[in-house]
Amino acid sequence: MKYRKKPVNIDAFQYFGDNYPEWFRWLDGWCECENVFGHKFIEIDTLEGLMKAYYGDYIIRGVKGELYPCKADIFEMTYESLGDAE
């Protein structure tokens, strides 16, 4: 039997250490955000455990509000932009 993933709109942003206000709001409650400045990665508490998001990775908000990192090449093969659509 074959299956196809249902189309689901997601919220995501690409992590670069300098886009601080954006990722800090996203990670509130999902990450210990102290001591992350100047580091090349941040640690996110995901449903699968602690995961690292490195510069250039996307951080995705899942269908249940959970957050998880995704490598840029995988993200770009999997998702397309809807712009600022709600």
PDB file of N, CA and C in Angstrom:
ATOM      1  N   MET A   1       0.832  -1.169   0.000  1.00  0.00           N
ATOM      2  CA  MET A   1       0.000   0.000   0.000  1.00  0.00           C
ATOM      3  C   MET A   1       0.884   1.242   0.000  1.00  0.00           C
ATOM      4  N   LYS A   2       0.500   2.278  -0.765  1.00  0.00           N
ATOM      5  CA  LYS A   2       1.247   3.531  -0.815  1.00  0.00           C
ATOM      6  C   LYS A   2       0.442   4.629  -0.140  1.00  0.00           C
ATOM      7  N   TYR A   3       1.157   5.600   0.418  1.00  0.00           N
ATOM      8  CA  TYR A   3       0.534   6.730   1.089  1.00  0.00           C
ATOM      9  C   TYR A   3       1.200   8.016   0.633  1.00  0.00           C
ATOM     10  N   ARG A   4       0.450   9.090   0.716  1.00  0.00           N
ATOM     11  CA  ARG A   4       0.996  10.410   0.411  1.00  0.00           C
ATOM     12  C   ARG A   4       0.795  11.299   1.627  1.00  0.00           C
ATOM     13  N   LYS A   5       1.794  12.085   1.936  1.00  0.00           N
ATOM     14  CA  LYS A   5       1.700  12.998   3.065  1.00  0.00           C
ATOM     15  C   LYS A   5       0.625  14.047   2.789  1.00  0.00           C
ATOM     16  N   LYS A   6      -0.242  14.282   3.764  1.00  0.00           N
ATOM     17  CA  LYS A   6      -1.275  15.302   3.626  1.00  0.00           C
ATOM     18  C   LYS A   6      -0.621  16.672   3.562  1.00  0.00           C
ATOM     19  N   PRO A   7      -1.152  17.556   2.720  1.00  0.00           N
ATOM     20  CA  PRO A   7      -0.581  18.912   2.701  1.00  0.00           C
ATOM     21  C   PRO A   7      -0.925  19.645   3.991  1.00  0.00           C
ATOM     22  N   VAL A   8       0.092  20.166   4.638  1.00  0.00           N
ATOM     23  CA  VAL A   8      -0.075  20.885   5.898  1.00  0.00           C
ATOM     24  C   VAL A   8       0.740  22.166   5.808  1.00  0.00           C
ATOM     25  N   ASN A   9       0.121  23.292   6.115  1.00  0.00           N
ATOM     26  CA  ASN A   9       0.860  24.543   6.162  1.00  0.00           C
ATOM     27  C   ASN A   9       1.564  24.632   7.515  1.00  0.00           C
ATOM     28  N   ILE A  10       2.812  25.061   7.486  1.00  0.00           N
ATOM     29  CA  ILE A  10       3.607  25.164   8.705  1.00  0.00           C
ATOM     30  C   ILE A  10       4.174  26.567   8.841  1.00  0.00           C
ATOM     31  N   ASP A  11       4.591  26.911  10.024  1.00  0.00           N
ATOM     32  CA  ASP A  11       5.374  28.117  10.269  1.00  0.00           C
ATOM     33  C   ASP A  11       6.814  27.666  10.430  1.00  0.00           C
ATOM     34  N   ALA A  12       7.732  28.433   9.859  1.00  0.00           N
ATOM     35  CA  ALA A  12       9.153  28.089   9.970  1.00  0.00           C
ATOM     36  C   ALA A  12       9.977  29.354   9.760  1.00  0.00           C
ATOM     37  N   PHE A  13      11.206  29.331  10.235  1.00  0.00           N
ATOM     38  CA  PHE A  13      12.162  30.382   9.931  1.00  0.00           C
ATOM     39  C   PHE A  13      13.540  29.772   9.878  1.00  0.00           C
ATOM     40  N   GLN A  14      14.426  30.442   9.165  1.00  0.00           N
ATOM     41  CA  GLN A  14      15.796  29.961   9.048  1.00  0.00           C
ATOM     42  C   GLN A  14      16.621  30.599  10.158  1.00  0.00           C
ATOM     43  N   TYR A  15      17.299  29.773  10.931  1.00  0.00           N
ATOM     44  CA  TYR A  15      18.079  30.238  12.082  1.00  0.00           C
ATOM     45  C   TYR A  15      19.446  30.758  11.666  1.00  0.00           C
ATOM     46  N   PHE A  16      19.684  31.997  12.012  1.00  0.00           N
ATOM     47  CA  PHE A  16      21.011  32.598  11.972  1.00  0.00           C
ATOM     48  C   PHE A  16      21.130  33.304  13.306  1.00  0.00           C
ATOM     49  N   GLY A  17      22.219  33.182  13.972  1.00  0.00           N
ATOM     50  CA  GLY A  17      22.359  33.740  15.310  1.00  0.00           C
ATOM     51  C   GLY A  17      21.965  35.198  15.416  1.00  0.00           C
ATOM     52  N   ASP A  18      22.063  35.942  14.308  1.00  0.00           N
ATOM     53  CA  ASP A  18      21.776  37.370  14.379  1.00  0.00           C
ATOM     54  C   ASP A  18      20.293  37.700  14.230  1.00  0.00           C
ATOM     55  N   ASN A  19      19.436  36.733  13.923  1.00  0.00           N
ATOM     56  CA  ASN A  19      18.002  37.042  13.871  1.00  0.00           C
ATOM     57  C   ASN A  19      17.373  36.728  15.230  1.00  0.00           C
ATOM     58  N   TYR A  20      18.031  37.239  16.266  1.00  0.00           N
ATOM     59  CA  TYR A  20      17.685  36.968  17.663  1.00  0.00           C
ATOM     60  C   TYR A  20      16.219  37.206  18.033  1.00  0.00           C
ATOM     61  N   PRO A  21      15.637  38.374  17.779  1.00  0.00           N
ATOM     62  CA  PRO A  21      14.257  38.559  18.285  1.00  0.00           C
ATOM     63  C   PRO A  21      13.295  37.504  17.758  1.00  0.00           C
ATOM     64  N   GLU A  22      13.463  37.111  16.505  1.00  0.00           N
ATOM     65  CA  GLU A  22      12.556  36.137  15.903  1.00  0.00           C
ATOM     66  C   GLU A  22      12.699  34.763  16.551  1.00  0.00           C
ATOM     67  N   TRP A  23      13.901  34.226  16.621  1.00  0.00           N
ATOM     68  CA  TRP A  23      14.037  32.867  17.167  1.00  0.00           C
ATOM     69  C   TRP A  23      13.835  32.824  18.668  1.00  0.00           C
ATOM     70  N   PHE A  24      14.144  33.906  19.359  1.00  0.00           N
ATOM     71  CA  PHE A  24      13.931  33.905  20.808  1.00  0.00           C
ATOM     72  C   PHE A  24      12.440  33.765  21.135  1.00  0.00           C
ATOM     73  N   ARG A  25      11.577  34.474  20.402  1.00  0.00           N
ATOM     74  CA  ARG A  25      10.124  34.357  20.616  1.00  0.00           C
ATOM     75  C   ARG A  25       9.655  32.941  20.295  1.00  0.00           C
ATOM     76  N   TRP A  26      10.165  32.360  19.234  1.00  0.00           N
ATOM     77  CA  TRP A  26       9.772  31.005  18.837  1.00  0.00           C
ATOM     78  C   TRP A  26      10.168  29.975  19.877  1.00  0.00           C
ATOM     79  N   LEU A  27      11.342  30.111  20.431  1.00  0.00           N
ATOM     80  CA  LEU A  27      11.877  29.082  21.313  1.00  0.00           C
ATOM     81  C   LEU A  27      11.442  29.235  22.753  1.00  0.00           C
ATOM     82  N   ASP A  28      10.727  30.282  23.064  1.00  0.00           N
ATOM     83  CA  ASP A  28      10.276  30.497  24.432  1.00  0.00           C
ATOM     84  C   ASP A  28       9.506  29.273  24.919  1.00  0.00           C
ATOM     85  N   GLY A  29      10.016  28.651  25.950  1.00  0.00           N
ATOM     86  CA  GLY A  29       9.385  27.465  26.515  1.00  0.00           C
ATOM     87  C   GLY A  29       9.888  26.160  25.919  1.00  0.00           C
ATOM     88  N   TRP A  30      10.616  26.199  24.818  1.00  0.00           N
ATOM     89  CA  TRP A  30      11.117  24.982  24.163  1.00  0.00           C
ATOM     90  C   TRP A  30      12.631  24.881  24.252  1.00  0.00           C
ATOM     91  N   CYS A  31      13.262  25.910  24.806  1.00  0.00           N
ATOM     92  CA  CYS A  31      14.724  25.941  24.783  1.00  0.00           C
ATOM     93  C   CYS A  31      15.208  26.745  25.978  1.00  0.00           C
ATOM     94  N   GLU A  32      16.303  26.304  26.561  1.00  0.00           N
ATOM     95  CA  GLU A  32      16.990  27.133  27.534  1.00  0.00           C
ATOM     96  C   GLU A  32      17.811  28.130  26.733  1.00  0.00           C
ATOM     97  N   CYS A  33      17.359  29.357  26.661  1.00  0.00           N
ATOM     98  CA  CYS A  33      17.942  30.332  25.745  1.00  0.00           C
ATOM     99  C   CYS A  33      19.106  31.114  26.341  1.00  0.00           C
ATOM    100  N   GLU A  34      19.527  30.804  27.551  1.00  0.00           N
ATOM    101  CA  GLU A  34      20.703  31.463  28.070  1.00  0.00           C
ATOM    102  C   GLU A  34      21.946  30.768  27.514  1.00  0.00           C
ATOM    103  N   ASN A  35      23.000  31.497  27.422  1.00  0.00           N
ATOM    104  CA  ASN A  35      24.290  30.971  26.943  1.00  0.00           C
ATOM    105  C   ASN A  35      24.251  30.490  25.494  1.00  0.00           C
ATOM    106  N   VAL A  36      23.361  31.031  24.672  1.00  0.00           N
ATOM    107  CA  VAL A  36      23.350  30.616  23.266  1.00  0.00           C
ATOM    108  C   VAL A  36      23.962  31.673  22.363  1.00  0.00           C
ATOM    109  N   PHE A  37      24.163  32.862  22.856  1.00  0.00           N
ATOM    110  CA  PHE A  37      24.689  33.934  22.017  1.00  0.00           C
ATOM    111  C   PHE A  37      26.140  33.666  21.657  1.00  0.00           C
ATOM    112  N   GLY A  38      26.458  33.816  20.386  1.00  0.00           N
ATOM    113  CA  GLY A  38      27.812  33.569  19.916  1.00  0.00           C
ATOM    114  C   GLY A  38      28.091  32.119  19.596  1.00  0.00           C
ATOM    115  N   HIS A  39      27.138  31.229  19.827  1.00  0.00           N
ATOM    116  CA  HIS A  39      27.323  29.814  19.501  1.00  0.00           C
ATOM    117  C   HIS A  39      26.787  29.538  18.111  1.00  0.00           C
ATOM    118  N   LYS A  40      27.301  28.523  17.470  1.00  0.00           N
ATOM    119  CA  LYS A  40      26.876  28.175  16.120  1.00  0.00           C
ATOM    120  C   LYS A  40      25.641  27.290  16.113  1.00  0.00           C
ATOM    121  N   PHE A  41      25.125  26.955  17.286  1.00  0.00           N
ATOM    122  CA  PHE A  41      23.906  26.152  17.346  1.00  0.00           C
ATOM    123  C   PHE A  41      23.132  26.505  18.608  1.00  0.00           C
ATOM    124  N   ILE A  42      21.866  26.131  18.597  1.00  0.00           N
ATOM    125  CA  ILE A  42      21.040  26.211  19.795  1.00  0.00           C
ATOM    126  C   ILE A  42      20.431  24.840  20.003  1.00  0.00           C
ATOM    127  N   GLU A  43      20.115  24.524  21.232  1.00  0.00           N
ATOM    128  CA  GLU A  43      19.507  23.230  21.543  1.00  0.00           C
ATOM    129  C   GLU A  43      18.020  23.429  21.792  1.00  0.00           C
ATOM    130  N   ILE A  44      17.210  22.618  21.116  1.00  0.00           N
ATOM    131  CA  ILE A  44      15.761  22.718  21.206  1.00  0.00           C
ATOM    132  C   ILE A  44      15.226  21.433  21.820  1.00  0.00           C
ATOM    133  N   ASP A  45      14.354  21.590  22.784  1.00  0.00           N
ATOM    134  CA  ASP A  45      13.703  20.439  23.409  1.00  0.00           C
ATOM    135  C   ASP A  45      12.534  20.020  22.530  1.00  0.00           C
ATOM    136  N   THR A  46      12.714  18.980  21.718  1.00  0.00           N
ATOM    137  CA  THR A  46      11.680  18.507  20.803  1.00  0.00           C
ATOM    138  C   THR A  46      10.939  17.335  21.431  1.00  0.00           C
ATOM    139  N   LEU A  47       9.899  16.880  20.770  1.00  0.00           N
ATOM    140  CA  LEU A  47       9.164  15.703  21.246  1.00  0.00           C
ATOM    141  C   LEU A  47      10.031  14.447  21.203  1.00  0.00           C
ATOM    142  N   GLU A  48      11.078  14.455  20.369  1.00  0.00           N
ATOM    143  CA  GLU A  48      11.995  13.314  20.264  1.00  0.00           C
ATOM    144  C   GLU A  48      13.225  13.474  21.139  1.00  0.00           C
ATOM    145  N   GLY A  49      13.287  14.540  21.926  1.00  0.00           N
ATOM    146  CA  GLY A  49      14.440  14.790  22.776  1.00  0.00           C
ATOM    147  C   GLY A  49      15.160  16.058  22.355  1.00  0.00           C
ATOM    148  N   LEU A  50      16.305  16.312  22.958  1.00  0.00           N
ATOM    149  CA  LEU A  50      17.086  17.506  22.690  1.00  0.00           C
ATOM    150  C   LEU A  50      17.751  17.403  21.324  1.00  0.00           C
ATOM    151  N   MET A  51      17.536  18.425  20.465  1.00  0.00           N
ATOM    152  CA  MET A  51      18.132  18.449  19.131  1.00  0.00           C
ATOM    153  C   MET A  51      18.828  19.784  18.925  1.00  0.00           C
ATOM    154  N   LYS A  52      19.875  19.787  18.101  1.00  0.00           N
ATOM    155  CA  LYS A  52      20.617  21.004  17.810  1.00  0.00           C
ATOM    156  C   LYS A  52      20.164  21.592  16.475  1.00  0.00           C
ATOM    157  N   ALA A  53      20.013  22.911  16.456  1.00  0.00           N
ATOM    158  CA  ALA A  53      19.784  23.654  15.214  1.00  0.00           C
ATOM    159  C   ALA A  53      21.033  24.501  14.984  1.00  0.00           C
ATOM    160  N   TYR A  54      21.676  24.297  13.849  1.00  0.00           N
ATOM    161  CA  TYR A  54      22.886  25.023  13.496  1.00  0.00           C
ATOM    162  C   TYR A  54      22.534  26.200  12.593  1.00  0.00           C
ATOM    163  N   TYR A  55      23.471  27.163  12.478  1.00  0.00           N
ATOM    164  CA  TYR A  55      23.247  28.303  11.583  1.00  0.00           C
ATOM    165  C   TYR A  55      22.820  27.780  10.220  1.00  0.00           C
ATOM    166  N   GLY A  56      21.769  28.365   9.664  1.00  0.00           N
ATOM    167  CA  GLY A  56      21.273  27.987   8.345  1.00  0.00           C
ATOM    168  C   GLY A  56      20.166  26.955   8.385  1.00  0.00           C
ATOM    169  N   ASP A  57      20.020  26.239   9.504  1.00  0.00           N
ATOM    170  CA  ASP A  57      18.916  25.276   9.628  1.00  0.00           C
ATOM    171  C   ASP A  57      17.594  26.030   9.764  1.00  0.00           C
ATOM    172  N   TYR A  58      16.528  25.386   9.373  1.00  0.00           N
ATOM    173  CA  TYR A  58      15.191  25.927   9.593  1.00  0.00           C
ATOM    174  C   TYR A  58      14.654  25.364  10.899  1.00  0.00           C
ATOM    175  N   ILE A  59      13.849  26.149  11.572  1.00  0.00           N
ATOM    176  CA  ILE A  59      13.139  25.673  12.752  1.00  0.00           C
ATOM    177  C   ILE A  59      11.664  25.700  12.392  1.00  0.00           C
ATOM    178  N   ILE A  60      11.029  24.538  12.530  1.00  0.00           N
ATOM    179  CA  ILE A  60       9.656  24.333  12.096  1.00  0.00           C
ATOM    180  C   ILE A  60       8.754  24.182  13.313  1.00  0.00           C
ATOM    181  N   ARG A  61       7.585  24.803  13.239  1.00  0.00           N
ATOM    182  CA  ARG A  61       6.562  24.585  14.265  1.00  0.00           C
ATOM    183  C   ARG A  61       5.608  23.543  13.703  1.00  0.00           C
ATOM    184  N   GLY A  62       5.508  22.394  14.358  1.00  0.00           N
ATOM    185  CA  GLY A  62       4.676  21.291  13.908  1.00  0.00           C
ATOM    186  C   GLY A  62       3.192  21.522  14.149  1.00  0.00           C
ATOM    187  N   VAL A  63       2.387  20.560  13.753  1.00  0.00           N
ATOM    188  CA  VAL A  63       0.933  20.695  13.817  1.00  0.00           C
ATOM    189  C   VAL A  63       0.399  20.771  15.248  1.00  0.00           C
ATOM    190  N   LYS A  64       1.168  20.335  16.222  1.00  0.00           N
ATOM    191  CA  LYS A  64       0.749  20.412  17.624  1.00  0.00           C
ATOM    192  C   LYS A  64       1.475  21.516  18.380  1.00  0.00           C
ATOM    193  N   GLY A  65       2.147  22.408  17.654  1.00  0.00           N
ATOM    194  CA  GLY A  65       2.871  23.507  18.276  1.00  0.00           C
ATOM    195  C   GLY A  65       4.288  23.174  18.663  1.00  0.00           C
ATOM    196  N   GLU A  66       4.701  21.928  18.444  1.00  0.00           N
ATOM    197  CA  GLU A  66       6.059  21.505  18.793  1.00  0.00           C
ATOM    198  C   GLU A  66       7.059  22.111  17.812  1.00  0.00           C
ATOM    199  N   LEU A  67       8.293  22.265  18.250  1.00  0.00           N
ATOM    200  CA  LEU A  67       9.355  22.811  17.406  1.00  0.00           C
ATOM    201  C   LEU A  67      10.396  21.752  17.131  1.00  0.00           C
ATOM    202  N   TYR A  68      10.979  21.831  15.937  1.00  0.00           N
ATOM    203  CA  TYR A  68      12.096  20.948  15.631  1.00  0.00           C
ATOM    204  C   TYR A  68      12.916  21.539  14.499  1.00  0.00           C
ATOM    205  N   PRO A  69      14.236  21.260  14.470  1.00  0.00           N
ATOM    206  CA  PRO A  69      15.105  21.778  13.417  1.00  0.00           C
ATOM    207  C   PRO A  69      15.060  20.902  12.175  1.00  0.00           C
ATOM    208  N   CYS A  70      15.390  21.517  11.047  1.00  0.00           N
ATOM    209  CA  CYS A  70      15.441  20.799   9.766  1.00  0.00           C
ATOM    210  C   CYS A  70      16.581  21.401   8.945  1.00  0.00           C
ATOM    211  N   LYS A  71      17.429  20.558   8.386  1.00  0.00           N
ATOM    212  CA  LYS A  71      18.527  21.027   7.537  1.00  0.00           C
ATOM    213  C   LYS A  71      17.957  21.765   6.330  1.00  0.00           C
ATOM    214  N   ALA A  72      18.642  22.823   5.900  1.00  0.00           N
ATOM    215  CA  ALA A  72      18.146  23.687   4.829  1.00  0.00           C
ATOM    216  C   ALA A  72      17.866  22.920   3.541  1.00  0.00           C
ATOM    217  N   ASP A  73      18.745  21.997   3.149  1.00  0.00           N
ATOM    218  CA  ASP A  73      18.524  21.285   1.887  1.00  0.00           C
ATOM    219  C   ASP A  73      17.276  20.403   1.944  1.00  0.00           C
ATOM    220  N   ILE A  74      17.042  19.751   3.063  1.00  0.00           N
ATOM    221  CA  ILE A  74      15.848  18.925   3.236  1.00  0.00           C
ATOM    222  C   ILE A  74      14.602  19.812   3.257  1.00  0.00           C
ATOM    223  N   PHE A  75      14.675  20.915   3.984  1.00  0.00           N
ATOM    224  CA  PHE A  75      13.543  21.835   4.059  1.00  0.00           C
ATOM    225  C   PHE A  75      13.160  22.325   2.667  1.00  0.00           C
ATOM    226  N   GLU A  76      14.148  22.739   1.878  1.00  0.00           N
ATOM    227  CA  GLU A  76      13.879  23.302   0.562  1.00  0.00           C
ATOM    228  C   GLU A  76      13.365  22.259  -0.430  1.00  0.00           C
ATOM    229  N   MET A  77      13.684  20.981  -0.221  1.00  0.00           N
ATOM    230  CA  MET A  77      13.130  19.918  -1.071  1.00  0.00           C
ATOM    231  C   MET A  77      11.706  19.555  -0.652  1.00  0.00           C
ATOM    232  N   THR A  78      11.359  19.823   0.597  1.00  0.00           N
ATOM    233  CA  THR A  78      10.094  19.374   1.162  1.00  0.00           C
ATOM    234  C   THR A  78       9.008  20.448   1.169  1.00  0.00           C
ATOM    235  N   TYR A  79       9.392  21.706   1.344  1.00  0.00           N
ATOM    236  CA  TYR A  79       8.429  22.792   1.524  1.00  0.00           C
ATOM    237  C   TYR A  79       8.590  23.846   0.453  1.00  0.00           C
ATOM    238  N   GLU A  80       7.485  24.558   0.175  1.00  0.00           N
ATOM    239  CA  GLU A  80       7.538  25.730  -0.705  1.00  0.00           C
ATOM    240  C   GLU A  80       6.908  26.888   0.039  1.00  0.00           C
ATOM    241  N   SER A  81       7.362  28.094  -0.257  1.00  0.00           N
ATOM    242  CA  SER A  81       6.886  29.277   0.444  1.00  0.00           C
ATOM    243  C   SER A  81       5.457  29.626   0.048  1.00  0.00           C
ATOM    244  N   LEU A  82       4.668  30.018   1.020  1.00  0.00           N
ATOM    245  CA  LEU A  82       3.340  30.565   0.797  1.00  0.00           C
ATOM    246  C   LEU A  82       3.337  32.060   1.052  1.00  0.00           C
ATOM    247  N   GLY A  83       4.520  32.636   1.218  1.00  0.00           N
ATOM    248  CA  GLY A  83       4.627  34.050   1.556  1.00  0.00           C
ATOM    249  C   GLY A  83       4.153  34.274   2.979  1.00  0.00           C
ATOM    250  N   ASP A  84       3.416  35.333   3.193  1.00  0.00           N
ATOM    251  CA  ASP A  84       2.910  35.638   4.535  1.00  0.00           C
ATOM    252  C   ASP A  84       1.466  35.199   4.700  1.00  0.00           C
ATOM    253  N   ALA A  85       1.017  34.215   3.932  1.00  0.00           N
ATOM    254  CA  ALA A  85      -0.371  33.731   4.017  1.00  0.00           C
ATOM    255  C   ALA A  85      -0.647  33.159   5.389  1.00  0.00           C
ATOM    256  N   GLU A  86      -1.830  33.351   5.868  1.00  0.00           N
ATOM    257  CA  GLU A  86      -2.230  32.807   7.175  1.00  0.00           C
ATOM    258  C   GLU A  86      -2.785  31.418   7.001  1.00  0.00           C
TER     259      GLU A  86
END
